[in-house]
Amino acid sequence: MTPERLKAIKNMMEEEYARPDSPYSGRFVANAPYAIADLLAALEETQQQNNRLEVKLQASRDSVYPLSVERDEYKFELAEAQQTIARAIQIYETADMESDFDHVLTGMYETLKGGETQP
């Protein structure tokens, strides 16, 4: 909140306390400046706390983002591994075991080694 806005609120509250038809006039008039100062101080303290919490929230978001990216990478690797296993099961159940199984084992080996091919 800007200093101008705080001043406008203070003026509005002072005017409200000074009005004779206001429910806050009379016995509260003497305490009005103190009450206004207390309210404005509480408002300022709340704004400062809000700013501190926003900074903490952003720091938390910044620390969580890399973990989220890493999780997504692991999900992708898991999906690839599951597809490889599914292909191996399909070949095992339906194809010529000797020639196709060697191909599957080679593919699994390459996947586990990170895509490196062996001579």
PDB file of N, CA and C in Angstrom:
ATOM      1  N   MET A   1       0.852  -1.163   0.000  1.00  0.00           N
ATOM      2  CA  MET A   1       0.000   0.000   0.000  1.00  0.00           C
ATOM      3  C   MET A   1       0.904   1.235   0.000  1.00  0.00           C
ATOM      4  N   THR A   2       0.540   2.169  -0.808  1.00  0.00           N
ATOM      5  CA  THR A   2       1.368   3.366  -0.960  1.00  0.00           C
ATOM      6  C   THR A   2       1.188   4.293   0.241  1.00  0.00           C
ATOM      7  N   PRO A   3       2.186   5.143   0.497  1.00  0.00           N
ATOM      8  CA  PRO A   3       2.041   6.119   1.591  1.00  0.00           C
ATOM      9  C   PRO A   3       0.837   7.036   1.382  1.00  0.00           C
ATOM     10  N   GLU A   4       0.546   7.357   0.128  1.00  0.00           N
ATOM     11  CA  GLU A   4      -0.611   8.206  -0.156  1.00  0.00           C
ATOM     12  C   GLU A   4      -1.912   7.520   0.248  1.00  0.00           C
ATOM     13  N   ARG A   5      -1.987   6.246  -0.036  1.00  0.00           N
ATOM     14  CA  ARG A   5      -3.194   5.484   0.324  1.00  0.00           C
ATOM     15  C   ARG A   5      -3.334   5.384   1.837  1.00  0.00           C
ATOM     16  N   LEU A   6      -2.217   5.164   2.536  1.00  0.00           N
ATOM     17  CA  LEU A   6      -2.254   5.107   3.999  1.00  0.00           C
ATOM     18  C   LEU A   6      -2.726   6.443   4.579  1.00  0.00           C
ATOM     19  N   LYS A   7      -2.229   7.542   4.002  1.00  0.00           N
ATOM     20  CA  LYS A   7      -2.641   8.863   4.473  1.00  0.00           C
ATOM     21  C   LYS A   7      -4.125   9.079   4.220  1.00  0.00           C
ATOM     22  N   ALA A   8      -4.618   8.637   3.071  1.00  0.00           N
ATOM     23  CA  ALA A   8      -6.039   8.778   2.749  1.00  0.00           C
ATOM     24  C   ALA A   8      -6.885   7.984   3.732  1.00  0.00           C
ATOM     25  N   ILE A   9      -6.441   6.792   4.086  1.00  0.00           N
ATOM     26  CA  ILE A   9      -7.184   5.981   5.068  1.00  0.00           C
ATOM     27  C   ILE A   9      -7.186   6.672   6.419  1.00  0.00           C
ATOM     28  N   LYS A  10      -6.030   7.184   6.819  1.00  0.00           N
ATOM     29  CA  LYS A  10      -5.939   7.880   8.106  1.00  0.00           C
ATOM     30  C   LYS A  10      -6.877   9.075   8.140  1.00  0.00           C
ATOM     31  N   ASN A  11      -6.876   9.867   7.066  1.00  0.00           N
ATOM     32  CA  ASN A  11      -7.769  11.035   7.000  1.00  0.00           C
ATOM     33  C   ASN A  11      -9.230  10.615   7.047  1.00  0.00           C
ATOM     34  N   MET A  12      -9.576   9.570   6.313  1.00  0.00           N
ATOM     35  CA  MET A  12     -10.948   9.097   6.302  1.00  0.00           C
ATOM     36  C   MET A  12     -11.377   8.647   7.703  1.00  0.00           C
ATOM     37  N   MET A  13     -10.492   7.940   8.391  1.00  0.00           N
ATOM     38  CA  MET A  13     -10.831   7.460   9.730  1.00  0.00           C
ATOM     39  C   MET A  13     -10.949   8.634  10.712  1.00  0.00           C
ATOM     40  N   GLU A  14     -10.054   9.607  10.594  1.00  0.00           N
ATOM     41  CA  GLU A  14     -10.138  10.783  11.467  1.00  0.00           C
ATOM     42  C   GLU A  14     -11.446  11.530  11.242  1.00  0.00           C
ATOM     43  N   GLU A  15     -11.850  11.651   9.982  1.00  0.00           N
ATOM     44  CA  GLU A  15     -13.112  12.320   9.670  1.00  0.00           C
ATOM     45  C   GLU A  15     -14.294  11.541  10.240  1.00  0.00           C
ATOM     46  N   GLU A  16     -14.217  10.213  10.161  1.00  0.00           N
ATOM     47  CA  GLU A  16     -15.299   9.366  10.680  1.00  0.00           C
ATOM     48  C   GLU A  16     -15.418   9.529  12.196  1.00  0.00           C
ATOM     49  N   TYR A  17     -14.277   9.562  12.881  1.00  0.00           N
ATOM     50  CA  TYR A  17     -14.305   9.739  14.335  1.00  0.00           C
ATOM     51  C   TYR A  17     -14.777  11.136  14.722  1.00  0.00           C
ATOM     52  N   ALA A  18     -14.535  12.143  13.875  1.00  0.00           N
ATOM     53  CA  ALA A  18     -14.882  13.528  14.195  1.00  0.00           C
ATOM     54  C   ALA A  18     -16.342  13.861  13.911  1.00  0.00           C
ATOM     55  N   ARG A  19     -17.005  13.090  13.084  1.00  0.00           N
ATOM     56  CA  ARG A  19     -18.408  13.373  12.745  1.00  0.00           C
ATOM     57  C   ARG A  19     -19.289  13.194  13.973  1.00  0.00           C
ATOM     58  N   PRO A  20     -20.174  14.145  14.246  1.00  0.00           N
ATOM     59  CA  PRO A  20     -21.035  14.015  15.437  1.00  0.00           C
ATOM     60  C   PRO A  20     -22.036  12.869  15.328  1.00  0.00           C
ATOM     61  N   ASP A  21     -22.448  12.515  14.108  1.00  0.00           N
ATOM     62  CA  ASP A  21     -23.430  11.442  13.949  1.00  0.00           C
ATOM     63  C   ASP A  21     -22.780  10.071  13.783  1.00  0.00           C
ATOM     64  N   SER A  22     -21.479  10.025  13.887  1.00  0.00           N
ATOM     65  CA  SER A  22     -20.760   8.756  13.732  1.00  0.00           C
ATOM     66  C   SER A  22     -20.892   7.915  14.997  1.00  0.00           C
ATOM     67  N   PRO A  23     -21.040   6.618  14.842  1.00  0.00           N
ATOM     68  CA  PRO A  23     -21.101   5.766  16.040  1.00  0.00           C
ATOM     69  C   PRO A  23     -19.776   5.771  16.807  1.00  0.00           C
ATOM     70  N   TYR A  24     -18.748   6.280  16.190  1.00  0.00           N
ATOM     71  CA  TYR A  24     -17.439   6.302  16.838  1.00  0.00           C
ATOM     72  C   TYR A  24     -17.143   7.629  17.517  1.00  0.00           C
ATOM     73  N   SER A  25     -18.033   8.600  17.412  1.00  0.00           N
ATOM     74  CA  SER A  25     -17.777   9.902  18.008  1.00  0.00           C
ATOM     75  C   SER A  25     -18.039   9.855  19.510  1.00  0.00           C
ATOM     76  N   GLY A  26     -17.824  10.954  20.184  1.00  0.00           N
ATOM     77  CA  GLY A  26     -18.087  11.020  21.614  1.00  0.00           C
ATOM     78  C   GLY A  26     -16.914  10.524  22.423  1.00  0.00           C
ATOM     79  N   ARG A  27     -17.140   9.452  23.169  1.00  0.00           N
ATOM     80  CA  ARG A  27     -16.107   8.975  24.094  1.00  0.00           C
ATOM     81  C   ARG A  27     -14.883   8.439  23.367  1.00  0.00           C
ATOM     82  N   PHE A  28     -15.022   8.101  22.099  1.00  0.00           N
ATOM     83  CA  PHE A  28     -13.891   7.557  21.361  1.00  0.00           C
ATOM     84  C   PHE A  28     -13.021   8.639  20.708  1.00  0.00           C
ATOM     85  N   VAL A  29     -13.522   9.865  20.670  1.00  0.00           N
ATOM     86  CA  VAL A  29     -12.808  10.922  19.966  1.00  0.00           C
ATOM     87  C   VAL A  29     -11.420  11.130  20.557  1.00  0.00           C
ATOM     88  N   ALA A  30     -11.288  11.067  21.826  1.00  0.00           N
ATOM     89  CA  ALA A  30      -9.984  11.277  22.454  1.00  0.00           C
ATOM     90  C   ALA A  30      -9.003  10.178  22.090  1.00  0.00           C
ATOM     91  N   ASN A  31      -9.503   8.982  21.906  1.00  0.00           N
ATOM     92  CA  ASN A  31      -8.634   7.844  21.597  1.00  0.00           C
ATOM     93  C   ASN A  31      -8.472   7.603  20.104  1.00  0.00           C
ATOM     94  N   ALA A  32      -9.168   8.372  19.283  1.00  0.00           N
ATOM     95  CA  ALA A  32      -9.146   8.141  17.844  1.00  0.00           C
ATOM     96  C   ALA A  32      -7.742   8.181  17.245  1.00  0.00           C
ATOM     97  N   PRO A  33      -6.933   9.161  17.526  1.00  0.00           N
ATOM     98  CA  PRO A  33      -5.598   9.167  16.908  1.00  0.00           C
ATOM     99  C   PRO A  33      -4.777   7.923  17.270  1.00  0.00           C
ATOM    100  N   TYR A  34      -4.932   7.445  18.492  1.00  0.00           N
ATOM    101  CA  TYR A  34      -4.195   6.252  18.913  1.00  0.00           C
ATOM    102  C   TYR A  34      -4.730   5.000  18.214  1.00  0.00           C
ATOM    103  N   ALA A  35      -6.047   4.948  18.107  1.00  0.00           N
ATOM    104  CA  ALA A  35      -6.650   3.802  17.426  1.00  0.00           C
ATOM    105  C   ALA A  35      -6.254   3.782  15.954  1.00  0.00           C
ATOM    106  N   ILE A  36      -6.267   4.942  15.337  1.00  0.00           N
ATOM    107  CA  ILE A  36      -5.872   5.026  13.934  1.00  0.00           C
ATOM    108  C   ILE A  36      -4.414   4.612  13.771  1.00  0.00           C
ATOM    109  N   ALA A  37      -3.549   5.106  14.626  1.00  0.00           N
ATOM    110  CA  ALA A  37      -2.130   4.764  14.556  1.00  0.00           C
ATOM    111  C   ALA A  37      -1.932   3.259  14.757  1.00  0.00           C
ATOM    112  N   ASP A  38      -2.671   2.678  15.692  1.00  0.00           N
ATOM    113  CA  ASP A  38      -2.572   1.234  15.925  1.00  0.00           C
ATOM    114  C   ASP A  38      -3.025   0.439  14.706  1.00  0.00           C
ATOM    115  N   LEU A  39      -4.135   0.861  14.121  1.00  0.00           N
ATOM    116  CA  LEU A  39      -4.639   0.165  12.934  1.00  0.00           C
ATOM    117  C   LEU A  39      -3.664   0.265  11.767  1.00  0.00           C
ATOM    118  N   LEU A  40      -3.115   1.441  11.560  1.00  0.00           N
ATOM    119  CA  LEU A  40      -2.161   1.618  10.471  1.00  0.00           C
ATOM    120  C   LEU A  40      -0.872   0.829  10.726  1.00  0.00           C
ATOM    121  N   ALA A  41      -0.442   0.782  11.979  1.00  0.00           N
ATOM    122  CA  ALA A  41       0.749  -0.012  12.311  1.00  0.00           C
ATOM    123  C   ALA A  41       0.485  -1.500  12.076  1.00  0.00           C
ATOM    124  N   ALA A  42      -0.707  -1.960  12.455  1.00  0.00           N
ATOM    125  CA  ALA A  42      -1.054  -3.361  12.224  1.00  0.00           C
ATOM    126  C   ALA A  42      -1.122  -3.664  10.728  1.00  0.00           C
ATOM    127  N   LEU A  43      -1.645  -2.712   9.969  1.00  0.00           N
ATOM    128  CA  LEU A  43      -1.703  -2.881   8.519  1.00  0.00           C
ATOM    129  C   LEU A  43      -0.298  -2.968   7.937  1.00  0.00           C
ATOM    130  N   GLU A  44       0.588  -2.081   8.357  1.00  0.00           N
ATOM    131  CA  GLU A  44       1.968  -2.087   7.862  1.00  0.00           C
ATOM    132  C   GLU A  44       2.676  -3.391   8.232  1.00  0.00           C
ATOM    133  N   GLU A  45       2.471  -3.854   9.446  1.00  0.00           N
ATOM    134  CA  GLU A  45       3.093  -5.110   9.885  1.00  0.00           C
ATOM    135  C   GLU A  45       2.579  -6.290   9.065  1.00  0.00           C
ATOM    136  N   THR A  46       1.305  -6.294   8.778  1.00  0.00           N
ATOM    137  CA  THR A  46       0.714  -7.354   7.963  1.00  0.00           C
ATOM    138  C   THR A  46       1.265  -7.320   6.547  1.00  0.00           C
ATOM    139  N   GLN A  47       1.442  -6.134   6.000  1.00  0.00           N
ATOM    140  CA  GLN A  47       2.012  -6.020   4.660  1.00  0.00           C
ATOM    141  C   GLN A  47       3.455  -6.524   4.629  1.00  0.00           C
ATOM    142  N   GLN A  48       4.221  -6.188   5.656  1.00  0.00           N
ATOM    143  CA  GLN A  48       5.608  -6.670   5.716  1.00  0.00           C
ATOM    144  C   GLN A  48       5.651  -8.187   5.828  1.00  0.00           C
ATOM    145  N   GLN A  49       4.773  -8.744   6.648  1.00  0.00           N
ATOM    146  CA  GLN A  49       4.707 -10.203   6.781  1.00  0.00           C
ATOM    147  C   GLN A  49       4.300 -10.830   5.448  1.00  0.00           C
ATOM    148  N   ASN A  50       3.370 -10.226   4.763  1.00  0.00           N
ATOM    149  CA  ASN A  50       2.944 -10.724   3.460  1.00  0.00           C
ATOM    150  C   ASN A  50       4.108 -10.710   2.467  1.00  0.00           C
ATOM    151  N   ASN A  51       4.888  -9.628   2.475  1.00  0.00           N
ATOM    152  CA  ASN A  51       6.042  -9.545   1.580  1.00  0.00           C
ATOM    153  C   ASN A  51       7.068 -10.630   1.907  1.00  0.00           C
ATOM    154  N   ARG A  52       7.327 -10.864   3.201  1.00  0.00           N
ATOM    155  CA  ARG A  52       8.269 -11.920   3.595  1.00  0.00           C
ATOM    156  C   ARG A  52       7.766 -13.290   3.140  1.00  0.00           C
ATOM    157  N   LEU A  53       6.473 -13.535   3.287  1.00  0.00           N
ATOM    158  CA  LEU A  53       5.906 -14.814   2.876  1.00  0.00           C
ATOM    159  C   LEU A  53       5.957 -14.983   1.358  1.00  0.00           C
ATOM    160  N   GLU A  54       5.766 -13.909   0.619  1.00  0.00           N
ATOM    161  CA  GLU A  54       5.877 -13.990  -0.837  1.00  0.00           C
ATOM    162  C   GLU A  54       7.294 -14.341  -1.261  1.00  0.00           C
ATOM    163  N   VAL A  55       8.290 -13.771  -0.570  1.00  0.00           N
ATOM    164  CA  VAL A  55       9.686 -14.095  -0.874  1.00  0.00           C
ATOM    165  C   VAL A  55       9.959 -15.570  -0.565  1.00  0.00           C
ATOM    166  N   LYS A  56       9.463 -16.057   0.568  1.00  0.00           N
ATOM    167  CA  LYS A  56       9.641 -17.471   0.923  1.00  0.00           C
ATOM    168  C   LYS A  56       8.948 -18.386  -0.080  1.00  0.00           C
ATOM    169  N   LEU A  57       7.760 -18.002  -0.501  1.00  0.00           N
ATOM    170  CA  LEU A  57       7.024 -18.801  -1.477  1.00  0.00           C
ATOM    171  C   LEU A  57       7.788 -18.892  -2.786  1.00  0.00           C
ATOM    172  N   GLN A  58       8.332 -17.778  -3.247  1.00  0.00           N
ATOM    173  CA  GLN A  58       9.097 -17.800  -4.492  1.00  0.00           C
ATOM    174  C   GLN A  58      10.346 -18.657  -4.336  1.00  0.00           C
ATOM    175  N   ALA A  59      11.004 -18.572  -3.186  1.00  0.00           N
ATOM    176  CA  ALA A  59      12.184 -19.407  -2.942  1.00  0.00           C
ATOM    177  C   ALA A  59      11.805 -20.887  -2.956  1.00  0.00           C
ATOM    178  N   SER A  60      10.658 -21.206  -2.395  1.00  0.00           N
ATOM    179  CA  SER A  60      10.194 -22.598  -2.407  1.00  0.00           C
ATOM    180  C   SER A  60       9.913 -23.059  -3.834  1.00  0.00           C
ATOM    181  N   ARG A  61       9.269 -22.205  -4.601  1.00  0.00           N
ATOM    182  CA  ARG A  61       8.997 -22.553  -6.002  1.00  0.00           C
ATOM    183  C   ARG A  61      10.292 -22.770  -6.764  1.00  0.00           C
ATOM    184  N   ASP A  62      11.280 -21.902  -6.507  1.00  0.00           N
ATOM    185  CA  ASP A  62      12.565 -22.018  -7.197  1.00  0.00           C
ATOM    186  C   ASP A  62      13.280 -23.313  -6.827  1.00  0.00           C
ATOM    187  N   SER A  63      13.135 -23.761  -5.586  1.00  0.00           N
ATOM    188  CA  SER A  63      13.814 -24.991  -5.179  1.00  0.00           C
ATOM    189  C   SER A  63      13.064 -26.236  -5.640  1.00  0.00           C
ATOM    190  N   VAL A  64      11.758 -26.143  -5.833  1.00  0.00           N
ATOM    191  CA  VAL A  64      10.963 -27.292  -6.255  1.00  0.00           C
ATOM    192  C   VAL A  64      11.036 -27.509  -7.766  1.00  0.00           C
ATOM    193  N   TYR A  65      11.205 -26.448  -8.534  1.00  0.00           N
ATOM    194  CA  TYR A  65      11.182 -26.568  -9.995  1.00  0.00           C
ATOM    195  C   TYR A  65      12.199 -27.569 -10.533  1.00  0.00           C
ATOM    196  N   PRO A  66      13.471 -27.507 -10.098  1.00  0.00           N
ATOM    197  CA  PRO A  66      14.424 -28.503 -10.627  1.00  0.00           C
ATOM    198  C   PRO A  66      14.021 -29.939 -10.291  1.00  0.00           C
ATOM    199  N   LEU A  67      13.438 -30.137  -9.120  1.00  0.00           N
ATOM    200  CA  LEU A  67      12.986 -31.480  -8.752  1.00  0.00           C
ATOM    201  C   LEU A  67      11.848 -31.936  -9.654  1.00  0.00           C
ATOM    202  N   SER A  68      10.991 -31.010 -10.026  1.00  0.00           N
ATOM    203  CA  SER A  68       9.887 -31.333 -10.924  1.00  0.00           C
ATOM    204  C   SER A  68      10.411 -31.738 -12.303  1.00  0.00           C
ATOM    205  N   VAL A  69      11.416 -31.020 -12.786  1.00  0.00           N
ATOM    206  CA  VAL A  69      12.015 -31.357 -14.081  1.00  0.00           C
ATOM    207  C   VAL A  69      12.661 -32.731 -14.012  1.00  0.00           C
ATOM    208  N   GLU A  70      13.382 -32.983 -12.927  1.00  0.00           N
ATOM    209  CA  GLU A  70      14.050 -34.286 -12.756  1.00  0.00           C
ATOM    210  C   GLU A  70      13.016 -35.414 -12.693  1.00  0.00           C
ATOM    211  N   ARG A  71      11.920 -35.184 -11.985  1.00  0.00           N
ATOM    212  CA  ARG A  71      10.853 -36.186 -11.901  1.00  0.00           C
ATOM    213  C   ARG A  71      10.303 -36.500 -13.293  1.00  0.00           C
ATOM    214  N   ASP A  72      10.100 -35.460 -14.097  1.00  0.00           N
ATOM    215  CA  ASP A  72       9.584 -35.668 -15.445  1.00  0.00           C
ATOM    216  C   ASP A  72      10.555 -36.482 -16.297  1.00  0.00           C
ATOM    217  N   GLU A  73      11.851 -36.234 -16.117  1.00  0.00           N
ATOM    218  CA  GLU A  73      12.848 -37.012 -16.850  1.00  0.00           C
ATOM    219  C   GLU A  73      12.789 -38.485 -16.437  1.00  0.00           C
ATOM    220  N   TYR A  74      12.648 -38.740 -15.141  1.00  0.00           N
ATOM    221  CA  TYR A  74      12.548 -40.127 -14.672  1.00  0.00           C
ATOM    222  C   TYR A  74      11.276 -40.794 -15.179  1.00  0.00           C
ATOM    223  N   LYS A  75      10.190 -40.040 -15.241  1.00  0.00           N
ATOM    224  CA  LYS A  75       8.947 -40.594 -15.787  1.00  0.00           C
ATOM    225  C   LYS A  75       9.141 -41.023 -17.237  1.00  0.00           C
ATOM    226  N   PHE A  76       9.849 -40.199 -18.003  1.00  0.00           N
ATOM    227  CA  PHE A  76      10.106 -40.511 -19.403  1.00  0.00           C
ATOM    228  C   PHE A  76      10.963 -41.772 -19.513  1.00  0.00           C
ATOM    229  N   GLU A  77      12.018 -41.863 -18.690  1.00  0.00           N
ATOM    230  CA  GLU A  77      12.879 -43.054 -18.705  1.00  0.00           C
ATOM    231  C   GLU A  77      12.094 -44.300 -18.301  1.00  0.00           C
ATOM    232  N   LEU A  78      11.212 -44.151 -17.326  1.00  0.00           N
ATOM    233  CA  LEU A  78      10.389 -45.282 -16.898  1.00  0.00           C
ATOM    234  C   LEU A  78       9.476 -45.733 -18.026  1.00  0.00           C
ATOM    235  N   ALA A  79       8.867 -44.792 -18.723  1.00  0.00           N
ATOM    236  CA  ALA A  79       7.984 -45.143 -19.835  1.00  0.00           C
ATOM    237  C   ALA A  79       8.753 -45.879 -20.931  1.00  0.00           C
ATOM    238  N   GLU A  80       9.972 -45.427 -21.225  1.00  0.00           N
ATOM    239  CA  GLU A  80      10.791 -46.120 -22.224  1.00  0.00           C
ATOM    240  C   GLU A  80      11.117 -47.540 -21.772  1.00  0.00           C
ATOM    241  N   ALA A  81      11.472 -47.698 -20.495  1.00  0.00           N
ATOM    242  CA  ALA A  81      11.790 -49.031 -19.982  1.00  0.00           C
ATOM    243  C   ALA A  81      10.569 -49.938 -20.029  1.00  0.00           C
ATOM    244  N   GLN A  82       9.396 -49.406 -19.702  1.00  0.00           N
ATOM    245  CA  GLN A  82       8.175 -50.203 -19.750  1.00  0.00           C
ATOM    246  C   GLN A  82       7.853 -50.631 -21.184  1.00  0.00           C
ATOM    247  N   GLN A  83       8.088 -49.750 -22.136  1.00  0.00           N
ATOM    248  CA  GLN A  83       7.862 -50.109 -23.538  1.00  0.00           C
ATOM    249  C   GLN A  83       8.829 -51.207 -23.978  1.00  0.00           C
ATOM    250  N   THR A  84      10.078 -51.101 -23.555  1.00  0.00           N
ATOM    251  CA  THR A  84      11.063 -52.125 -23.908  1.00  0.00           C
ATOM    252  C   THR A  84      10.664 -53.475 -23.326  1.00  0.00           C
ATOM    253  N   ILE A  85      10.213 -53.465 -22.097  1.00  0.00           N
ATOM    254  CA  ILE A  85       9.770 -54.713 -21.460  1.00  0.00           C
ATOM    255  C   ILE A  85       8.558 -55.278 -22.185  1.00  0.00           C
ATOM    256  N   ALA A  86       7.619 -54.421 -22.549  1.00  0.00           N
ATOM    257  CA  ALA A  86       6.420 -54.881 -23.262  1.00  0.00           C
ATOM    258  C   ALA A  86       6.791 -55.489 -24.606  1.00  0.00           C
ATOM    259  N   ARG A  87       7.740 -54.850 -25.320  1.00  0.00           N
ATOM    260  CA  ARG A  87       8.185 -55.419 -26.603  1.00  0.00           C
ATOM    261  C   ARG A  87       8.865 -56.766 -26.385  1.00  0.00           C
ATOM    262  N   ALA A  88       9.664 -56.873 -25.327  1.00  0.00           N
ATOM    263  CA  ALA A  88      10.353 -58.134 -25.046  1.00  0.00           C
ATOM    264  C   ALA A  88       9.353 -59.240 -24.744  1.00  0.00           C
ATOM    265  N   ILE A  89       8.323 -58.919 -23.984  1.00  0.00           N
ATOM    266  CA  ILE A  89       7.292 -59.910 -23.658  1.00  0.00           C
ATOM    267  C   ILE A  89       6.542 -60.318 -24.921  1.00  0.00           C
ATOM    268  N   GLN A  90       6.217 -59.347 -25.751  1.00  0.00           N
ATOM    269  CA  GLN A  90       5.494 -59.646 -26.987  1.00  0.00           C
ATOM    270  C   GLN A  90       6.338 -60.552 -27.894  1.00  0.00           C
ATOM    271  N   ILE A  91       7.579 -60.247 -28.054  1.00  0.00           N
ATOM    272  CA  ILE A  91       8.454 -61.080 -28.884  1.00  0.00           C
ATOM    273  C   ILE A  91       8.604 -62.465 -28.272  1.00  0.00           C
ATOM    274  N   TYR A  92       8.749 -62.519 -26.992  1.00  0.00           N
ATOM    275  CA  TYR A  92       8.900 -63.800 -26.304  1.00  0.00           C
ATOM    276  C   TYR A  92       7.676 -64.681 -26.526  1.00  0.00           C
ATOM    277  N   GLU A  93       6.506 -64.082 -26.485  1.00  0.00           N
ATOM    278  CA  GLU A  93       5.270 -64.849 -26.603  1.00  0.00           C
ATOM    279  C   GLU A  93       4.919 -65.210 -28.044  1.00  0.00           C
ATOM    280  N   THR A  94       5.385 -64.464 -29.022  1.00  0.00           N
ATOM    281  CA  THR A  94       4.885 -64.663 -30.383  1.00  0.00           C
ATOM    282  C   THR A  94       5.924 -65.011 -31.434  1.00  0.00           C
ATOM    283  N   ALA A  95       7.191 -64.851 -31.180  1.00  0.00           N
ATOM    284  CA  ALA A  95       8.161 -64.937 -32.270  1.00  0.00           C
ATOM    285  C   ALA A  95       9.153 -66.084 -32.079  1.00  0.00           C
ATOM    286  N   ASP A  96      10.001 -66.189 -33.094  1.00  0.00           N
ATOM    287  CA  ASP A  96      11.089 -67.159 -33.070  1.00  0.00           C
ATOM    288  C   ASP A  96      12.043 -66.738 -31.955  1.00  0.00           C
ATOM    289  N   MET A  97      12.149 -67.547 -30.956  1.00  0.00           N
ATOM    290  CA  MET A  97      12.867 -67.195 -29.746  1.00  0.00           C
ATOM    291  C   MET A  97      14.345 -66.896 -29.977  1.00  0.00           C
ATOM    292  N   GLU A  98      15.026 -67.695 -30.757  1.00  0.00           N
ATOM    293  CA  GLU A  98      16.475 -67.539 -30.850  1.00  0.00           C
ATOM    294  C   GLU A  98      16.878 -66.237 -31.525  1.00  0.00           C
ATOM    295  N   SER A  99      16.337 -65.943 -32.685  1.00  0.00           N
ATOM    296  CA  SER A  99      16.774 -64.745 -33.402  1.00  0.00           C
ATOM    297  C   SER A  99      16.205 -63.469 -32.790  1.00  0.00           C
ATOM    298  N   ASP A 100      14.935 -63.487 -32.423  1.00  0.00           N
ATOM    299  CA  ASP A 100      14.309 -62.281 -31.885  1.00  0.00           C
ATOM    300  C   ASP A 100      14.762 -61.979 -30.457  1.00  0.00           C
ATOM    301  N   PHE A 101      14.971 -62.997 -29.676  1.00  0.00           N
ATOM    302  CA  PHE A 101      15.375 -62.763 -28.291  1.00  0.00           C
ATOM    303  C   PHE A 101      16.764 -62.143 -28.235  1.00  0.00           C
ATOM    304  N   ASP A 102      17.638 -62.551 -29.134  1.00  0.00           N
ATOM    305  CA  ASP A 102      18.966 -61.944 -29.194  1.00  0.00           C
ATOM    306  C   ASP A 102      18.847 -60.456 -29.521  1.00  0.00           C
ATOM    307  N   HIS A 103      17.950 -60.119 -30.424  1.00  0.00           N
ATOM    308  CA  HIS A 103      17.718 -58.718 -30.785  1.00  0.00           C
ATOM    309  C   HIS A 103      17.194 -57.931 -29.575  1.00  0.00           C
ATOM    310  N   VAL A 104      16.268 -58.517 -28.838  1.00  0.00           N
ATOM    311  CA  VAL A 104      15.700 -57.859 -27.660  1.00  0.00           C
ATOM    312  C   VAL A 104      16.782 -57.654 -26.605  1.00  0.00           C
ATOM    313  N   LEU A 105      17.577 -58.678 -26.355  1.00  0.00           N
ATOM    314  CA  LEU A 105      18.648 -58.544 -25.368  1.00  0.00           C
ATOM    315  C   LEU A 105      19.640 -57.463 -25.766  1.00  0.00           C
ATOM    316  N   THR A 106      19.968 -57.384 -27.039  1.00  0.00           N
ATOM    317  CA  THR A 106      20.878 -56.344 -27.518  1.00  0.00           C
ATOM    318  C   THR A 106      20.263 -54.965 -27.302  1.00  0.00           C
ATOM    319  N   GLY A 107      18.996 -54.824 -27.621  1.00  0.00           N
ATOM    320  CA  GLY A 107      18.305 -53.545 -27.420  1.00  0.00           C
ATOM    321  C   GLY A 107      18.240 -53.153 -25.952  1.00  0.00           C
ATOM    322  N   MET A 108      17.955 -54.119 -25.092  1.00  0.00           N
ATOM    323  CA  MET A 108      17.911 -53.831 -23.658  1.00  0.00           C
ATOM    324  C   MET A 108      19.296 -53.432 -23.154  1.00  0.00           C
ATOM    325  N   TYR A 109      20.301 -54.135 -23.634  1.00  0.00           N
ATOM    326  CA  TYR A 109      21.666 -53.825 -23.226  1.00  0.00           C
ATOM    327  C   TYR A 109      22.027 -52.399 -23.649  1.00  0.00           C
ATOM    328  N   GLU A 110      21.683 -52.020 -24.865  1.00  0.00           N
ATOM    329  CA  GLU A 110      21.980 -50.673 -25.350  1.00  0.00           C
ATOM    330  C   GLU A 110      21.213 -49.623 -24.544  1.00  0.00           C
ATOM    331  N   THR A 111      19.975 -49.931 -24.204  1.00  0.00           N
ATOM    332  CA  THR A 111      19.180 -49.002 -23.405  1.00  0.00           C
ATOM    333  C   THR A 111      19.809 -48.799 -22.038  1.00  0.00           C
ATOM    334  N   LEU A 112      20.223 -49.887 -21.411  1.00  0.00           N
ATOM    335  CA  LEU A 112      20.827 -49.792 -20.092  1.00  0.00           C
ATOM    336  C   LEU A 112      22.169 -49.067 -20.133  1.00  0.00           C
ATOM    337  N   LYS A 113      22.893 -49.212 -21.200  1.00  0.00           N
ATOM    338  CA  LYS A 113      24.196 -48.551 -21.332  1.00  0.00           C
ATOM    339  C   LYS A 113      24.042 -47.099 -21.799  1.00  0.00           C
ATOM    340  N   GLY A 114      22.852 -46.649 -22.031  1.00  0.00           N
ATOM    341  CA  GLY A 114      22.625 -45.269 -22.451  1.00  0.00           C
ATOM    342  C   GLY A 114      22.724 -45.060 -23.936  1.00  0.00           C
ATOM    343  N   GLY A 115      22.413 -46.086 -24.699  1.00  0.00           N
ATOM    344  CA  GLY A 115      22.418 -45.944 -26.149  1.00  0.00           C
ATOM    345  C   GLY A 115      23.728 -46.247 -26.800  1.00  0.00           C
ATOM    346  N   GLU A 116      24.742 -46.662 -26.032  1.00  0.00           N
ATOM    347  CA  GLU A 116      26.040 -47.013 -26.618  1.00  0.00           C
ATOM    348  C   GLU A 116      25.899 -48.339 -27.372  1.00  0.00           C
ATOM    349  N   THR A 117      26.511 -48.425 -28.513  1.00  0.00           N
ATOM    350  CA  THR A 117      26.502 -49.672 -29.260  1.00  0.00           C
ATOM    351  C   THR A 117      27.831 -50.370 -29.088  1.00  0.00           C
ATOM    352  N   GLN A 118      27.773 -51.669 -29.034  1.00  0.00           N
ATOM    353  CA  GLN A 118      28.979 -52.476 -28.860  1.00  0.00           C
ATOM    354  C   GLN A 118      29.407 -53.021 -30.211  1.00  0.00           C
ATOM    355  N   PRO A 119      30.735 -53.146 -30.449  1.00  0.00           N
ATOM    356  CA  PRO A 119      31.207 -53.679 -31.745  1.00  0.00           C
ATOM    357  C   PRO A 119      30.893 -55.141 -31.916  1.00  0.00           C
TER     358      PRO A 119
END
